Amino acid sequence: MIRLKVNGVERSFEGDADMPLLWYLRDHLGLTGTKFGCGEALCGSCTVHQNGQAVRSCALPMSALNGAEIVTIEGLSKNGTHPVQKAWIAMNVPQCGYCQAGQIMQAAALLKRTPSPTDEEIERAMAGNICRCGTYQRIRAAIKAAARESA
């Protein structure tokens, strides 16, 4: 049995240990904010936090998660008041919105470890998150705004 905490709630899993975390979140827990993109951990749409670190849930097997603490976009804040979420709205970041949960989770992890990131640090941290709409300038601006709010 695999025991983990998801968004602060203790959970257990007895299914296929090779199942990716993404499908456990979406299909077993109904947490559909985390999106399937490429299935190869290349696009970042499925980004969640594992023990405070941004990870790609599509390639993370349940067998690697015993004792882990997972936070999804639904658990980042109860009502959208995390500084990154507020900055995303203020800067009008999303267009189609599909990648945005992953972008927000990656940005939140960046700001947790680097509270005042440089442009280079933002570019490096966000490089693995693809936005088909090309909102990269607004993403960078929103990360800087969230950093200022958190300071």
Protein backbone atom coordinates (compact mmCIF):
# COMPACT_ATOMS: atom_id res chain seq x y z
CA MET A 1 0.00 0.00 0.00
CA ILE A 2 1.27 3.44 -0.93
CA ARG A 3 0.50 6.20 1.57
CA LEU A 4 0.76 9.83 0.61
CA LYS A 5 -0.74 13.19 1.39
CA VAL A 6 -2.54 15.11 -1.40
CA ASN A 7 -3.45 18.72 -0.73
CA GLY A 8 -3.14 18.07 2.99
CA VAL A 9 -5.36 14.96 3.04
CA GLU A 10 -3.93 11.54 3.91
CA ARG A 11 -4.51 9.05 1.08
CA SER A 12 -3.66 5.44 0.35
CA PHE A 13 -3.33 3.64 -2.96
CA GLU A 14 -3.38 -0.10 -3.59
CA GLY A 15 -3.55 -0.13 -7.39
CA ASP A 16 -0.93 -0.50 -10.10
CA ALA A 17 2.30 0.90 -8.67
CA ASP A 18 3.40 1.90 -12.19
CA MET A 19 0.37 4.18 -12.64
CA PRO A 20 1.49 7.78 -13.14
CA LEU A 21 0.52 10.22 -10.42
CA LEU A 22 -1.39 12.27 -13.02
CA TRP A 23 -3.97 9.53 -13.52
CA TYR A 24 -4.31 8.92 -9.79
CA LEU A 25 -5.04 12.63 -9.28
CA ARG A 26 -7.49 12.93 -12.17
CA ASP A 27 -9.20 9.54 -12.27
CA HIS A 28 -9.13 8.43 -8.63
CA LEU A 29 -9.33 11.74 -6.76
CA GLY A 30 -11.21 13.86 -9.33
CA LEU A 31 -8.56 16.61 -9.22
CA THR A 32 -8.75 17.62 -12.87
CA GLY A 33 -6.84 20.90 -12.67
CA THR A 34 -3.62 19.03 -13.44
CA LYS A 35 -3.61 18.50 -17.21
CA PHE A 36 -2.31 15.79 -19.52
CA GLY A 37 -0.16 17.30 -22.22
CA CYS A 38 2.58 15.19 -23.75
CA GLY A 39 2.82 12.17 -21.45
CA GLU A 40 6.62 12.41 -21.66
CA ALA A 41 7.35 15.01 -18.92
CA LEU A 42 8.36 17.53 -21.60
CA CYS A 43 5.60 20.14 -21.72
CA GLY A 44 4.91 20.91 -18.04
CA SER A 45 1.10 20.88 -18.20
CA CYS A 46 1.01 18.19 -15.51
CA THR A 47 3.27 20.00 -13.01
CA VAL A 48 2.49 19.50 -9.32
CA HIS A 49 4.59 19.82 -6.17
CA GLN A 50 6.14 16.78 -4.54
CA ASN A 51 7.54 17.68 -1.13
CA GLY A 52 7.74 21.31 -2.28
CA GLN A 53 9.50 20.63 -5.60
CA ALA A 54 7.91 21.03 -9.03
CA VAL A 55 7.59 17.62 -10.72
CA ARG A 56 5.89 16.24 -13.81
CA SER A 57 3.06 13.99 -12.65
CA CYS A 58 2.63 12.24 -16.02
CA ALA A 59 5.96 10.43 -15.61
CA LEU A 60 6.00 9.95 -11.84
CA PRO A 61 4.90 6.42 -10.86
CA MET A 62 2.86 5.91 -7.74
CA SER A 63 5.60 3.54 -6.49
CA ALA A 64 7.88 6.57 -5.99
CA LEU A 65 5.40 8.41 -3.79
CA ASN A 66 5.16 6.50 -0.52
CA GLY A 67 5.28 9.15 2.22
CA ALA A 68 5.22 12.02 -0.27
CA GLU A 69 3.31 15.26 0.11
CA ILE A 70 1.67 16.31 -3.15
CA VAL A 71 0.13 19.70 -3.86
CA THR A 72 -1.92 20.28 -6.99
CA ILE A 73 -3.30 23.53 -8.41
CA GLU A 74 -6.44 22.88 -6.35
CA GLY A 75 -4.34 22.78 -3.17
CA LEU A 76 -2.11 25.78 -3.88
CA SER A 77 -4.69 28.01 -2.19
CA LYS A 78 -8.28 27.53 -1.16
CA ASN A 79 -9.65 30.50 -3.10
CA GLY A 80 -7.04 31.63 -5.63
CA THR A 81 -5.20 33.95 -3.25
CA HIS A 82 -1.69 32.57 -3.71
CA PRO A 83 0.51 35.47 -4.92
CA VAL A 84 1.20 33.68 -8.22
CA GLN A 85 -2.51 33.11 -8.88
CA LYS A 86 -3.31 36.73 -8.09
CA ALA A 87 -0.51 37.95 -10.36
CA TRP A 88 -1.71 35.66 -13.17
CA ILE A 89 -5.11 37.33 -13.02
CA ALA A 90 -3.74 40.87 -12.67
CA MET A 91 -1.38 40.40 -15.63
CA ASN A 92 -4.05 38.66 -17.74
CA VAL A 93 -1.63 35.80 -18.46
CA PRO A 94 -3.82 33.01 -19.88
CA GLN A 95 -5.10 32.81 -23.41
CA CYS A 96 -6.36 29.29 -23.99
CA GLY A 97 -5.41 28.43 -20.40
CA TYR A 98 -4.54 24.77 -20.93
CA CYS A 99 -0.95 25.01 -19.67
CA GLN A 100 -1.61 27.55 -16.95
CA ALA A 101 -2.02 25.21 -13.96
CA GLY A 102 1.39 23.73 -14.73
CA GLN A 103 2.88 27.18 -15.32
CA ILE A 104 1.51 28.45 -12.00
CA MET A 105 2.78 25.41 -10.08
CA GLN A 106 6.24 25.75 -11.64
CA ALA A 107 6.31 29.49 -10.83
CA ALA A 108 5.17 28.91 -7.24
CA ALA A 109 7.97 26.38 -6.71
CA LEU A 110 10.48 28.84 -8.20
CA LEU A 111 9.39 31.63 -5.86
CA LYS A 112 9.49 29.33 -2.85
CA ARG A 113 13.17 28.57 -3.42
CA THR A 114 14.14 31.89 -5.07
CA PRO A 115 11.95 34.70 -3.67
CA SER A 116 13.35 37.42 -5.98
CA PRO A 117 14.40 35.67 -9.19
CA THR A 118 16.28 37.37 -12.00
CA ASP A 119 15.07 37.15 -15.59
CA GLU A 120 17.66 34.44 -16.19
CA GLU A 121 16.46 32.42 -13.18
CA ILE A 122 12.86 32.75 -14.35
CA GLU A 123 13.79 31.66 -17.88
CA ARG A 124 15.75 28.67 -16.58
CA ALA A 125 13.03 27.55 -14.15
CA MET A 126 10.18 27.96 -16.61
CA ALA A 127 11.99 26.56 -19.69
CA GLY A 128 10.32 23.15 -19.39
CA ASN A 129 6.79 24.59 -19.41
CA ILE A 130 5.45 25.11 -22.90
CA CYS A 131 2.75 27.66 -23.73
CA ARG A 132 1.35 27.17 -27.20
CA CYS A 133 -0.17 30.64 -27.08
CA GLY A 134 3.22 32.25 -26.41
CA THR A 135 2.34 34.19 -23.26
CA TYR A 136 5.93 33.99 -22.00
CA GLN A 137 6.36 37.75 -21.49
CA ARG A 138 3.19 37.94 -19.40
CA ILE A 139 4.28 34.85 -17.46
CA ARG A 140 7.61 36.50 -16.63
CA ALA A 141 5.87 39.74 -15.65
CA ALA A 142 3.43 37.85 -13.43
CA ILE A 143 6.25 35.98 -11.68
CA LYS A 144 7.99 39.29 -10.97
CA ALA A 145 4.72 40.79 -9.68
CA ALA A 146 4.16 37.79 -7.41
CA ALA A 147 7.72 38.10 -6.11
CA ARG A 148 7.12 41.76 -5.26
CA GLU A 149 3.86 40.92 -3.46
CA SER A 150 5.52 38.14 -1.48
CA ALA A 151 8.50 40.29 -0.43
